[in-house]
Amino acid sequence: MSYSAQMREMLLTLQRYEELENKNLSYDPIQLDAVVQQAIRELNSSDQSIAITYPSRCPIFYADQRLLGHLFIELIRNSISNRDPEKGNLKIDISMIETQKNLFMESSDKYQYEKFVKITYTDNGEGFLTDSSLVFQILQKSAQFNKVSIGMAFCKRIVEKHMGTIMAKSVKGSGVGYTIFFPANRPSDLL
């Protein structure tokens, strides 16, 4: 991708990030495989050295389909830009399970469990240091203007807009992994 194309994508991502602030979500039933397939098509990557595996049948959950597509576009784009040239093929693995999560995790004496879907995204790219402050910074709205922090801040904001959480874990040279939780039901079903 040329420098001007990278800058254009970075500016579009920044614009989408800012638009999220006032966006009302349209909750639709989501089939993860369809969202990932659409993200791959939109990236228009015909690189045969990239292998993306994802489940063909998953539990259905409710989210804004367009934003979820942007989430996976950014995650895949980040994996491609941080691939390890010494490893040859880039491998991305996406999985999903249904689980329960305590909504009151900060309070040790309160419990309210709700259904969530847990999406795990891993790649075999370069990764980054496991310094927790660095992971926190990457998933923050960054003062630095670089494509990784903008794209990952956008991903974090999409997940938070859906009342979910995203966590990153990595070992330098061993790839990166993201664990993403989305509520399984529409917000009106949670009230």
N, C-alpha and C. Protein backbone atom coordinates (compact mmCIF):
# COMPACT_ATOMS: atom_id res chain seq x y z
N MET A 1 0.85 -1.17 0.00
CA MET A 1 0.00 0.00 0.00
C MET A 1 0.90 1.24 0.00
N SER A 2 0.61 2.17 -0.85
CA SER A 2 1.43 3.38 -0.95
C SER A 2 1.24 4.27 0.27
N TYR A 3 2.18 5.17 0.46
CA TYR A 3 2.13 6.10 1.59
C TYR A 3 0.85 6.93 1.57
N SER A 4 0.47 7.43 0.39
CA SER A 4 -0.74 8.26 0.30
C SER A 4 -1.99 7.44 0.61
N ALA A 5 -2.01 6.18 0.19
CA ALA A 5 -3.15 5.32 0.51
C ALA A 5 -3.21 5.04 2.01
N GLN A 6 -2.04 4.84 2.64
CA GLN A 6 -2.00 4.63 4.08
C GLN A 6 -2.50 5.86 4.83
N MET A 7 -2.07 7.04 4.38
CA MET A 7 -2.53 8.28 5.02
C MET A 7 -4.04 8.47 4.85
N ARG A 8 -4.55 8.14 3.67
CA ARG A 8 -5.98 8.25 3.41
C ARG A 8 -6.76 7.33 4.36
N GLU A 9 -6.29 6.09 4.51
CA GLU A 9 -6.94 5.14 5.41
C GLU A 9 -6.88 5.61 6.85
N MET A 10 -5.73 6.16 7.24
CA MET A 10 -5.57 6.65 8.60
C MET A 10 -6.53 7.80 8.87
N LEU A 11 -6.66 8.71 7.93
CA LEU A 11 -7.58 9.85 8.10
C LEU A 11 -9.03 9.40 8.12
N LEU A 12 -9.38 8.42 7.29
CA LEU A 12 -10.75 7.88 7.31
C LEU A 12 -11.04 7.23 8.65
N THR A 13 -10.08 6.50 9.19
CA THR A 13 -10.26 5.86 10.49
C THR A 13 -10.44 6.90 11.58
N LEU A 14 -9.65 7.96 11.53
CA LEU A 14 -9.77 9.04 12.50
C LEU A 14 -11.15 9.70 12.40
N GLN A 15 -11.62 9.92 11.18
CA GLN A 15 -12.95 10.51 10.98
C GLN A 15 -14.03 9.57 11.52
N ARG A 16 -13.92 8.27 11.26
CA ARG A 16 -14.90 7.31 11.77
C ARG A 16 -14.88 7.28 13.30
N TYR A 17 -13.69 7.40 13.86
CA TYR A 17 -13.57 7.42 15.32
C TYR A 17 -14.36 8.60 15.90
N GLU A 18 -14.17 9.77 15.33
CA GLU A 18 -14.86 10.96 15.82
C GLU A 18 -16.38 10.85 15.62
N GLU A 19 -16.81 10.22 14.53
CA GLU A 19 -18.25 10.07 14.26
C GLU A 19 -18.92 9.10 15.23
N LEU A 20 -18.15 8.23 15.85
CA LEU A 20 -18.71 7.25 16.79
C LEU A 20 -19.33 7.92 18.01
N GLU A 21 -18.82 9.08 18.37
CA GLU A 21 -19.28 9.75 19.58
C GLU A 21 -20.80 9.90 19.62
N ASN A 22 -21.40 10.32 18.53
CA ASN A 22 -22.85 10.59 18.50
C ASN A 22 -23.64 9.56 17.69
N LYS A 23 -23.01 8.46 17.33
CA LYS A 23 -23.67 7.46 16.49
C LYS A 23 -24.63 6.59 17.31
N ASN A 24 -25.84 6.44 16.80
CA ASN A 24 -26.79 5.50 17.36
C ASN A 24 -26.58 4.17 16.66
N LEU A 25 -26.43 3.11 17.44
CA LEU A 25 -26.16 1.80 16.86
C LEU A 25 -27.44 1.14 16.38
N SER A 26 -27.30 0.40 15.31
CA SER A 26 -28.39 -0.40 14.77
C SER A 26 -28.06 -1.86 15.07
N TYR A 27 -28.76 -2.44 16.03
CA TYR A 27 -28.46 -3.80 16.45
C TYR A 27 -29.15 -4.82 15.55
N ASP A 28 -28.34 -5.65 14.93
CA ASP A 28 -28.82 -6.71 14.04
C ASP A 28 -28.26 -8.03 14.53
N PRO A 29 -28.91 -9.14 14.18
CA PRO A 29 -28.31 -10.44 14.51
C PRO A 29 -27.02 -10.61 13.70
N ILE A 30 -25.95 -10.99 14.37
CA ILE A 30 -24.64 -11.07 13.73
C ILE A 30 -24.21 -12.52 13.59
N GLN A 31 -23.75 -12.84 12.39
CA GLN A 31 -23.08 -14.11 12.13
C GLN A 31 -21.62 -13.76 11.89
N LEU A 32 -20.77 -14.18 12.79
CA LEU A 32 -19.37 -13.78 12.77
C LEU A 32 -18.68 -14.11 11.44
N ASP A 33 -18.96 -15.28 10.89
CA ASP A 33 -18.28 -15.66 9.63
C ASP A 33 -18.60 -14.69 8.51
N ALA A 34 -19.83 -14.22 8.43
CA ALA A 34 -20.21 -13.27 7.38
C ALA A 34 -19.49 -11.93 7.56
N VAL A 35 -19.34 -11.49 8.81
CA VAL A 35 -18.66 -10.22 9.09
C VAL A 35 -17.18 -10.32 8.71
N VAL A 36 -16.54 -11.44 9.07
CA VAL A 36 -15.12 -11.62 8.75
C VAL A 36 -14.93 -11.71 7.23
N GLN A 37 -15.80 -12.45 6.55
CA GLN A 37 -15.70 -12.56 5.09
C GLN A 37 -15.83 -11.20 4.42
N GLN A 38 -16.77 -10.38 4.89
CA GLN A 38 -16.95 -9.04 4.33
C GLN A 38 -15.72 -8.17 4.59
N ALA A 39 -15.14 -8.27 5.77
CA ALA A 39 -13.93 -7.50 6.09
C ALA A 39 -12.78 -7.90 5.16
N ILE A 40 -12.64 -9.18 4.90
CA ILE A 40 -11.59 -9.65 4.00
C ILE A 40 -11.82 -9.11 2.59
N ARG A 41 -13.07 -9.13 2.13
CA ARG A 41 -13.39 -8.59 0.80
C ARG A 41 -13.09 -7.10 0.72
N GLU A 42 -13.45 -6.35 1.76
CA GLU A 42 -13.22 -4.90 1.75
C GLU A 42 -11.74 -4.56 1.77
N LEU A 43 -10.94 -5.39 2.43
CA LEU A 43 -9.50 -5.17 2.42
C LEU A 43 -8.89 -5.49 1.06
N ASN A 44 -9.61 -6.28 0.28
CA ASN A 44 -9.21 -6.61 -1.08
C ASN A 44 -7.78 -7.16 -1.13
N SER A 45 -7.47 -8.01 -0.18
CA SER A 45 -6.13 -8.60 -0.12
C SER A 45 -6.17 -9.97 -0.77
N SER A 46 -5.46 -10.10 -1.86
CA SER A 46 -5.37 -11.40 -2.53
C SER A 46 -4.02 -12.04 -2.23
N ASP A 47 -3.36 -11.60 -1.18
CA ASP A 47 -2.07 -12.12 -0.78
C ASP A 47 -2.23 -13.57 -0.31
N GLN A 48 -1.62 -14.49 -1.02
CA GLN A 48 -1.74 -15.91 -0.71
C GLN A 48 -0.96 -16.31 0.54
N SER A 49 -0.11 -15.41 1.05
CA SER A 49 0.68 -15.74 2.24
C SER A 49 -0.07 -15.38 3.53
N ILE A 50 -1.34 -14.99 3.41
CA ILE A 50 -2.15 -14.66 4.58
C ILE A 50 -3.23 -15.73 4.72
N ALA A 51 -3.24 -16.41 5.85
CA ALA A 51 -4.24 -17.44 6.12
C ALA A 51 -5.10 -16.98 7.30
N ILE A 52 -6.38 -16.81 7.06
CA ILE A 52 -7.31 -16.40 8.11
C ILE A 52 -8.29 -17.53 8.34
N THR A 53 -8.30 -18.05 9.56
CA THR A 53 -9.26 -19.10 9.92
C THR A 53 -10.29 -18.52 10.88
N TYR A 54 -11.53 -18.92 10.69
CA TYR A 54 -12.62 -18.46 11.53
C TYR A 54 -13.71 -19.51 11.49
N PRO A 55 -14.54 -19.57 12.52
CA PRO A 55 -15.57 -20.61 12.57
C PRO A 55 -16.69 -20.35 11.57
N SER A 56 -17.22 -21.41 11.03
CA SER A 56 -18.33 -21.26 10.08
C SER A 56 -19.68 -21.21 10.79
N ARG A 57 -19.75 -21.75 11.98
CA ARG A 57 -21.00 -21.70 12.74
C ARG A 57 -20.69 -21.22 14.15
N CYS A 58 -21.35 -20.14 14.51
CA CYS A 58 -21.15 -19.54 15.83
C CYS A 58 -22.50 -19.14 16.41
N PRO A 59 -22.55 -18.93 17.71
CA PRO A 59 -23.78 -18.38 18.29
C PRO A 59 -24.05 -16.99 17.70
N ILE A 60 -25.30 -16.68 17.52
CA ILE A 60 -25.68 -15.36 17.02
C ILE A 60 -25.71 -14.39 18.20
N PHE A 61 -25.21 -13.18 17.96
CA PHE A 61 -25.30 -12.12 18.95
C PHE A 61 -25.75 -10.86 18.22
N TYR A 62 -26.00 -9.79 18.97
CA TYR A 62 -26.55 -8.57 18.38
C TYR A 62 -25.54 -7.44 18.48
N ALA A 63 -25.31 -6.79 17.33
CA ALA A 63 -24.36 -5.67 17.26
C ALA A 63 -24.65 -4.88 16.00
N ASP A 64 -23.98 -3.77 15.86
CA ASP A 64 -24.07 -2.96 14.65
C ASP A 64 -23.15 -3.61 13.60
N GLN A 65 -23.74 -4.17 12.57
CA GLN A 65 -22.99 -4.95 11.59
C GLN A 65 -21.90 -4.13 10.91
N ARG A 66 -22.20 -2.90 10.57
CA ARG A 66 -21.22 -2.05 9.88
C ARG A 66 -20.01 -1.77 10.77
N LEU A 67 -20.26 -1.43 12.04
CA LEU A 67 -19.16 -1.16 12.96
C LEU A 67 -18.34 -2.41 13.25
N LEU A 68 -19.02 -3.55 13.35
CA LEU A 68 -18.29 -4.79 13.58
C LEU A 68 -17.39 -5.11 12.39
N GLY A 69 -17.86 -4.79 11.18
CA GLY A 69 -17.03 -4.94 9.99
C GLY A 69 -15.79 -4.08 10.07
N HIS A 70 -15.96 -2.82 10.51
CA HIS A 70 -14.81 -1.92 10.67
C HIS A 70 -13.83 -2.45 11.72
N LEU A 71 -14.37 -3.04 12.78
CA LEU A 71 -13.52 -3.61 13.82
C LEU A 71 -12.59 -4.67 13.23
N PHE A 72 -13.16 -5.59 12.45
CA PHE A 72 -12.33 -6.67 11.89
C PHE A 72 -11.42 -6.17 10.77
N ILE A 73 -11.84 -5.17 10.04
CA ILE A 73 -10.95 -4.58 9.03
C ILE A 73 -9.72 -4.01 9.72
N GLU A 74 -9.92 -3.28 10.81
CA GLU A 74 -8.78 -2.68 11.52
C GLU A 74 -7.89 -3.73 12.15
N LEU A 75 -8.48 -4.77 12.75
CA LEU A 75 -7.67 -5.83 13.35
C LEU A 75 -6.83 -6.55 12.31
N ILE A 76 -7.45 -6.90 11.18
CA ILE A 76 -6.72 -7.60 10.12
C ILE A 76 -5.67 -6.68 9.51
N ARG A 77 -6.03 -5.43 9.28
CA ARG A 77 -5.07 -4.47 8.71
C ARG A 77 -3.87 -4.32 9.65
N ASN A 78 -4.11 -4.27 10.95
CA ASN A 78 -3.03 -4.16 11.92
C ASN A 78 -2.14 -5.41 11.87
N SER A 79 -2.74 -6.58 11.75
CA SER A 79 -1.96 -7.82 11.65
C SER A 79 -1.09 -7.82 10.40
N ILE A 80 -1.66 -7.37 9.28
CA ILE A 80 -0.90 -7.34 8.03
C ILE A 80 0.26 -6.36 8.13
N SER A 81 0.02 -5.19 8.70
CA SER A 81 1.10 -4.19 8.76
C SER A 81 2.17 -4.56 9.78
N ASN A 82 1.87 -5.45 10.72
CA ASN A 82 2.84 -5.86 11.73
C ASN A 82 3.27 -7.32 11.56
N ARG A 83 3.18 -7.82 10.34
CA ARG A 83 3.57 -9.21 10.11
C ARG A 83 5.08 -9.34 10.23
N ASP A 84 5.51 -10.51 10.62
CA ASP A 84 6.94 -10.79 10.79
C ASP A 84 7.47 -11.36 9.48
N PRO A 85 8.32 -10.60 8.76
CA PRO A 85 8.80 -11.06 7.46
C PRO A 85 9.63 -12.35 7.54
N GLU A 86 10.19 -12.63 8.70
CA GLU A 86 10.99 -13.85 8.85
C GLU A 86 10.14 -15.10 8.99
N LYS A 87 8.87 -14.95 9.35
CA LYS A 87 7.99 -16.11 9.54
C LYS A 87 7.32 -16.55 8.25
N GLY A 88 7.39 -15.74 7.19
CA GLY A 88 6.74 -16.12 5.94
C GLY A 88 5.26 -15.84 5.99
N ASN A 89 4.45 -16.87 6.12
CA ASN A 89 3.00 -16.72 6.09
C ASN A 89 2.48 -16.06 7.36
N LEU A 90 1.49 -15.19 7.17
CA LEU A 90 0.79 -14.58 8.28
C LEU A 90 -0.42 -15.45 8.58
N LYS A 91 -0.55 -15.86 9.83
CA LYS A 91 -1.69 -16.68 10.25
C LYS A 91 -2.52 -15.91 11.25
N ILE A 92 -3.80 -15.81 10.95
CA ILE A 92 -4.76 -15.15 11.84
C ILE A 92 -5.81 -16.17 12.20
N ASP A 93 -6.09 -16.31 13.48
CA ASP A 93 -7.10 -17.26 13.93
C ASP A 93 -8.14 -16.51 14.74
N ILE A 94 -9.41 -16.69 14.36
CA ILE A 94 -10.52 -16.03 15.04
C ILE A 94 -11.45 -17.13 15.55
N SER A 95 -11.81 -17.07 16.83
CA SER A 95 -12.74 -18.04 17.38
C SER A 95 -13.77 -17.30 18.25
N MET A 96 -14.85 -18.01 18.56
CA MET A 96 -15.91 -17.38 19.35
C MET A 96 -16.65 -18.43 20.16
N ILE A 97 -16.95 -18.11 21.41
CA ILE A 97 -17.77 -18.97 22.25
C ILE A 97 -18.78 -18.10 22.98
N GLU A 98 -19.82 -18.75 23.47
CA GLU A 98 -20.79 -18.07 24.31
C GLU A 98 -20.38 -18.29 25.76
N THR A 99 -20.48 -17.26 26.57
CA THR A 99 -20.05 -17.35 27.96
C THR A 99 -20.91 -16.46 28.82
N GLN A 100 -20.65 -16.45 30.10
CA GLN A 100 -21.31 -15.53 31.02
C GLN A 100 -20.25 -14.68 31.68
N LYS A 101 -20.63 -13.46 32.00
CA LYS A 101 -19.69 -12.52 32.59
C LYS A 101 -20.41 -11.76 33.70
N ASN A 102 -19.71 -11.54 34.80
CA ASN A 102 -20.27 -10.78 35.91
C ASN A 102 -20.21 -9.29 35.55
N LEU A 103 -21.34 -8.63 35.52
CA LEU A 103 -21.39 -7.22 35.20
C LEU A 103 -20.81 -6.34 36.30
N PHE A 104 -20.67 -6.89 37.50
CA PHE A 104 -20.16 -6.12 38.64
C PHE A 104 -18.77 -6.60 39.02
N MET A 105 -17.87 -6.72 38.06
CA MET A 105 -16.54 -7.25 38.34
C MET A 105 -15.75 -6.41 39.34
N GLU A 106 -16.00 -5.11 39.40
CA GLU A 106 -15.26 -4.24 40.30
C GLU A 106 -15.70 -4.40 41.75
N SER A 107 -16.85 -4.97 41.98
CA SER A 107 -17.37 -5.10 43.33
C SER A 107 -17.37 -6.58 43.74
N SER A 108 -16.63 -6.89 44.79
CA SER A 108 -16.47 -8.29 45.18
C SER A 108 -17.73 -8.90 45.81
N ASP A 109 -18.67 -8.08 46.22
CA ASP A 109 -19.86 -8.62 46.88
C ASP A 109 -21.13 -8.53 46.04
N LYS A 110 -21.00 -8.14 44.76
CA LYS A 110 -22.17 -8.06 43.89
C LYS A 110 -21.97 -8.96 42.68
N TYR A 111 -23.04 -9.64 42.30
CA TYR A 111 -22.98 -10.53 41.15
C TYR A 111 -24.22 -10.38 40.30
N GLN A 112 -24.03 -10.21 39.04
CA GLN A 112 -25.13 -10.24 38.07
C GLN A 112 -24.52 -10.76 36.77
N TYR A 113 -24.83 -11.99 36.45
CA TYR A 113 -24.24 -12.62 35.27
C TYR A 113 -25.15 -12.42 34.06
N GLU A 114 -24.54 -12.08 32.96
CA GLU A 114 -25.26 -11.91 31.70
C GLU A 114 -24.54 -12.72 30.63
N LYS A 115 -25.28 -13.05 29.57
CA LYS A 115 -24.69 -13.79 28.47
C LYS A 115 -23.85 -12.86 27.60
N PHE A 116 -22.66 -13.31 27.28
CA PHE A 116 -21.75 -12.60 26.40
C PHE A 116 -21.22 -13.57 25.36
N VAL A 117 -20.67 -13.01 24.30
CA VAL A 117 -19.88 -13.82 23.37
C VAL A 117 -18.44 -13.37 23.56
N LYS A 118 -17.56 -14.34 23.55
CA LYS A 118 -16.13 -14.08 23.70
C LYS A 118 -15.47 -14.39 22.36
N ILE A 119 -14.90 -13.36 21.74
CA ILE A 119 -14.21 -13.52 20.46
C ILE A 119 -12.72 -13.44 20.75
N THR A 120 -11.99 -14.43 20.28
CA THR A 120 -10.55 -14.45 20.44
C THR A 120 -9.92 -14.30 19.06
N TYR A 121 -9.02 -13.34 18.95
CA TYR A 121 -8.34 -13.02 17.69
C TYR A 121 -6.84 -13.11 17.96
N THR A 122 -6.13 -13.98 17.25
CA THR A 122 -4.68 -14.08 17.42
C THR A 122 -4.00 -14.07 16.05
N ASP A 123 -2.76 -13.59 16.04
CA ASP A 123 -1.95 -13.67 14.83
C ASP A 123 -0.53 -14.07 15.21
N ASN A 124 0.27 -14.38 14.20
CA ASN A 124 1.66 -14.77 14.44
C ASN A 124 2.62 -13.67 13.97
N GLY A 125 2.17 -12.42 14.06
CA GLY A 125 2.98 -11.28 13.61
C GLY A 125 4.12 -10.97 14.56
N GLU A 126 4.63 -9.76 14.47
CA GLU A 126 5.77 -9.36 15.29
C GLU A 126 5.42 -9.21 16.76
N GLY A 127 4.18 -8.86 17.05
CA GLY A 127 3.77 -8.65 18.43
C GLY A 127 4.39 -7.39 19.00
N PHE A 128 4.22 -7.19 20.29
CA PHE A 128 4.83 -6.07 20.98
C PHE A 128 5.16 -6.52 22.38
N LEU A 129 5.92 -5.71 23.10
CA LEU A 129 6.31 -6.06 24.46
C LEU A 129 5.08 -6.21 25.34
N THR A 130 5.16 -7.08 26.33
CA THR A 130 4.01 -7.33 27.20
C THR A 130 3.88 -6.32 28.33
N ASP A 131 4.63 -5.26 28.28
CA ASP A 131 4.50 -4.20 29.27
C ASP A 131 3.04 -3.74 29.27
N SER A 132 2.36 -3.90 30.39
CA SER A 132 0.93 -3.61 30.44
C SER A 132 0.63 -2.15 30.13
N SER A 133 1.55 -1.25 30.46
CA SER A 133 1.29 0.16 30.15
C SER A 133 1.32 0.39 28.65
N LEU A 134 2.16 -0.36 27.91
CA LEU A 134 2.20 -0.24 26.46
C LEU A 134 0.90 -0.76 25.85
N VAL A 135 0.44 -1.92 26.33
CA VAL A 135 -0.82 -2.47 25.83
C VAL A 135 -1.95 -1.47 26.09
N PHE A 136 -1.95 -0.88 27.28
CA PHE A 136 -2.96 0.11 27.62
C PHE A 136 -2.89 1.30 26.68
N GLN A 137 -1.68 1.77 26.37
CA GLN A 137 -1.51 2.92 25.49
C GLN A 137 -1.98 2.61 24.08
N ILE A 138 -1.70 1.41 23.59
CA ILE A 138 -2.10 1.06 22.23
C ILE A 138 -3.61 1.08 22.10
N LEU A 139 -4.29 0.64 23.15
CA LEU A 139 -5.75 0.60 23.11
C LEU A 139 -6.39 1.90 23.60
N GLN A 140 -5.62 2.93 23.78
CA GLN A 140 -6.13 4.24 24.19
C GLN A 140 -6.21 5.18 23.00
N LYS A 141 -7.00 6.22 23.16
CA LYS A 141 -6.96 7.32 22.19
C LYS A 141 -5.59 7.96 22.38
N SER A 142 -4.78 7.93 21.36
CA SER A 142 -3.39 8.33 21.49
C SER A 142 -3.16 9.76 21.05
N ALA A 143 -2.25 10.42 21.74
CA ALA A 143 -1.85 11.76 21.33
C ALA A 143 -0.91 11.69 20.14
N GLN A 144 -0.26 10.52 19.98
CA GLN A 144 0.63 10.35 18.83
C GLN A 144 -0.22 10.02 17.61
N PHE A 145 0.18 10.56 16.47
CA PHE A 145 -0.57 10.35 15.23
C PHE A 145 0.09 9.23 14.45
N ASN A 146 -0.27 8.00 14.77
CA ASN A 146 0.24 6.88 14.00
C ASN A 146 -0.87 5.88 13.77
N LYS A 147 -0.73 5.10 12.72
CA LYS A 147 -1.84 4.24 12.29
C LYS A 147 -2.20 3.17 13.29
N VAL A 148 -1.23 2.64 14.04
CA VAL A 148 -1.55 1.59 15.00
C VAL A 148 -2.45 2.14 16.09
N SER A 149 -2.06 3.27 16.71
CA SER A 149 -2.84 3.78 17.82
C SER A 149 -4.21 4.28 17.37
N ILE A 150 -4.31 4.86 16.20
CA ILE A 150 -5.61 5.31 15.71
C ILE A 150 -6.52 4.12 15.44
N GLY A 151 -6.00 3.13 14.73
CA GLY A 151 -6.80 1.95 14.41
C GLY A 151 -7.22 1.18 15.64
N MET A 152 -6.31 1.02 16.61
CA MET A 152 -6.64 0.27 17.81
C MET A 152 -7.55 1.08 18.74
N ALA A 153 -7.38 2.39 18.78
CA ALA A 153 -8.31 3.23 19.55
C ALA A 153 -9.71 3.14 18.96
N PHE A 154 -9.79 3.09 17.62
CA PHE A 154 -11.08 2.93 16.94
C PHE A 154 -11.71 1.59 17.31
N CYS A 155 -10.90 0.52 17.32
CA CYS A 155 -11.42 -0.79 17.71
C CYS A 155 -11.95 -0.78 19.14
N LYS A 156 -11.17 -0.19 20.03
CA LYS A 156 -11.59 -0.12 21.44
C LYS A 156 -12.89 0.66 21.58
N ARG A 157 -13.01 1.75 20.86
CA ARG A 157 -14.23 2.57 20.94
C ARG A 157 -15.44 1.83 20.38
N ILE A 158 -15.26 1.06 19.32
CA ILE A 158 -16.37 0.27 18.75
C ILE A 158 -16.87 -0.72 19.79
N VAL A 159 -15.94 -1.43 20.42
CA VAL A 159 -16.32 -2.43 21.42
C VAL A 159 -17.01 -1.77 22.61
N GLU A 160 -16.47 -0.67 23.10
CA GLU A 160 -17.08 0.03 24.22
C GLU A 160 -18.46 0.58 23.89
N LYS A 161 -18.63 1.04 22.67
CA LYS A 161 -19.94 1.55 22.22
C LYS A 161 -21.00 0.45 22.30
N HIS A 162 -20.57 -0.81 22.15
CA HIS A 162 -21.47 -1.96 22.26
C HIS A 162 -21.56 -2.49 23.69
N MET A 163 -21.02 -1.74 24.67
CA MET A 163 -20.98 -2.15 26.08
C MET A 163 -20.16 -3.41 26.28
N GLY A 164 -19.09 -3.56 25.49
CA GLY A 164 -18.20 -4.70 25.60
C GLY A 164 -16.83 -4.28 26.10
N THR A 165 -15.91 -5.24 26.10
CA THR A 165 -14.53 -4.97 26.51
C THR A 165 -13.57 -5.64 25.54
N ILE A 166 -12.37 -5.07 25.42
CA ILE A 166 -11.31 -5.65 24.60
C ILE A 166 -10.02 -5.60 25.41
N MET A 167 -9.29 -6.71 25.35
CA MET A 167 -8.01 -6.80 26.03
C MET A 167 -6.98 -7.31 25.03
N ALA A 168 -5.75 -6.84 25.16
CA ALA A 168 -4.68 -7.26 24.27
C ALA A 168 -3.58 -7.94 25.08
N LYS A 169 -2.98 -8.95 24.45
CA LYS A 169 -1.85 -9.63 25.07
C LYS A 169 -0.89 -9.99 23.96
N SER A 170 0.40 -9.82 24.24
CA SER A 170 1.39 -10.10 23.21
C SER A 170 2.74 -10.40 23.82
N VAL A 171 3.53 -11.11 23.04
CA VAL A 171 4.92 -11.33 23.36
C VAL A 171 5.69 -10.92 22.12
N LYS A 172 6.69 -10.06 22.29
CA LYS A 172 7.47 -9.57 21.15
C LYS A 172 7.99 -10.77 20.36
N GLY A 173 7.68 -10.78 19.07
CA GLY A 173 8.13 -11.85 18.19
C GLY A 173 7.19 -13.04 18.10
N SER A 174 6.13 -13.05 18.93
CA SER A 174 5.22 -14.20 18.95
C SER A 174 3.79 -13.84 18.59
N GLY A 175 3.56 -12.65 18.09
CA GLY A 175 2.22 -12.29 17.68
C GLY A 175 1.45 -11.56 18.75
N VAL A 176 0.21 -11.31 18.43
CA VAL A 176 -0.67 -10.57 19.33
C VAL A 176 -1.99 -11.31 19.44
N GLY A 177 -2.63 -11.17 20.58
CA GLY A 177 -3.94 -11.76 20.79
C GLY A 177 -4.89 -10.74 21.40
N TYR A 178 -6.11 -10.72 20.91
CA TYR A 178 -7.14 -9.84 21.46
C TYR A 178 -8.28 -10.72 21.95
N THR A 179 -8.79 -10.40 23.12
CA THR A 179 -9.98 -11.05 23.65
C THR A 179 -11.05 -9.98 23.73
N ILE A 180 -12.17 -10.23 23.07
CA ILE A 180 -13.24 -9.24 22.95
C ILE A 180 -14.53 -9.86 23.50
N PHE A 181 -15.20 -9.13 24.37
CA PHE A 181 -16.49 -9.57 24.90
C PHE A 181 -17.57 -8.62 24.40
N PHE A 182 -18.62 -9.18 23.83
CA PHE A 182 -19.81 -8.44 23.44
C PHE A 182 -21.02 -9.03 24.16
N PRO A 183 -21.94 -8.18 24.65
CA PRO A 183 -23.18 -8.73 25.19
C PRO A 183 -23.90 -9.52 24.09
N ALA A 184 -24.46 -10.66 24.46
CA ALA A 184 -25.11 -11.52 23.46
C ALA A 184 -26.47 -10.97 23.04
N ASN A 185 -27.11 -10.19 23.92
CA ASN A 185 -28.45 -9.68 23.65
C ASN A 185 -28.44 -8.22 23.24
N ARG A 186 -29.53 -7.79 22.66
CA ARG A 186 -29.71 -6.35 22.35
C ARG A 186 -29.75 -5.59 23.67
N PRO A 187 -29.37 -4.30 23.66
CA PRO A 187 -29.41 -3.52 24.91
C PRO A 187 -30.80 -3.48 25.53
N SER A 188 -31.86 -3.42 24.75
CA SER A 188 -33.22 -3.39 25.32
C SER A 188 -33.54 -4.71 26.01
N ASP A 189 -32.91 -5.82 25.58
CA ASP A 189 -33.12 -7.12 26.24
C ASP A 189 -32.42 -7.17 27.58
N LEU A 190 -31.41 -6.31 27.78
CA LEU A 190 -30.67 -6.31 29.03
C LEU A 190 -31.36 -5.52 30.13
N LEU A 191 -32.26 -4.62 29.75
CA LEU A 191 -32.92 -3.77 30.75
C LEU A 191 -34.06 -4.46 31.44
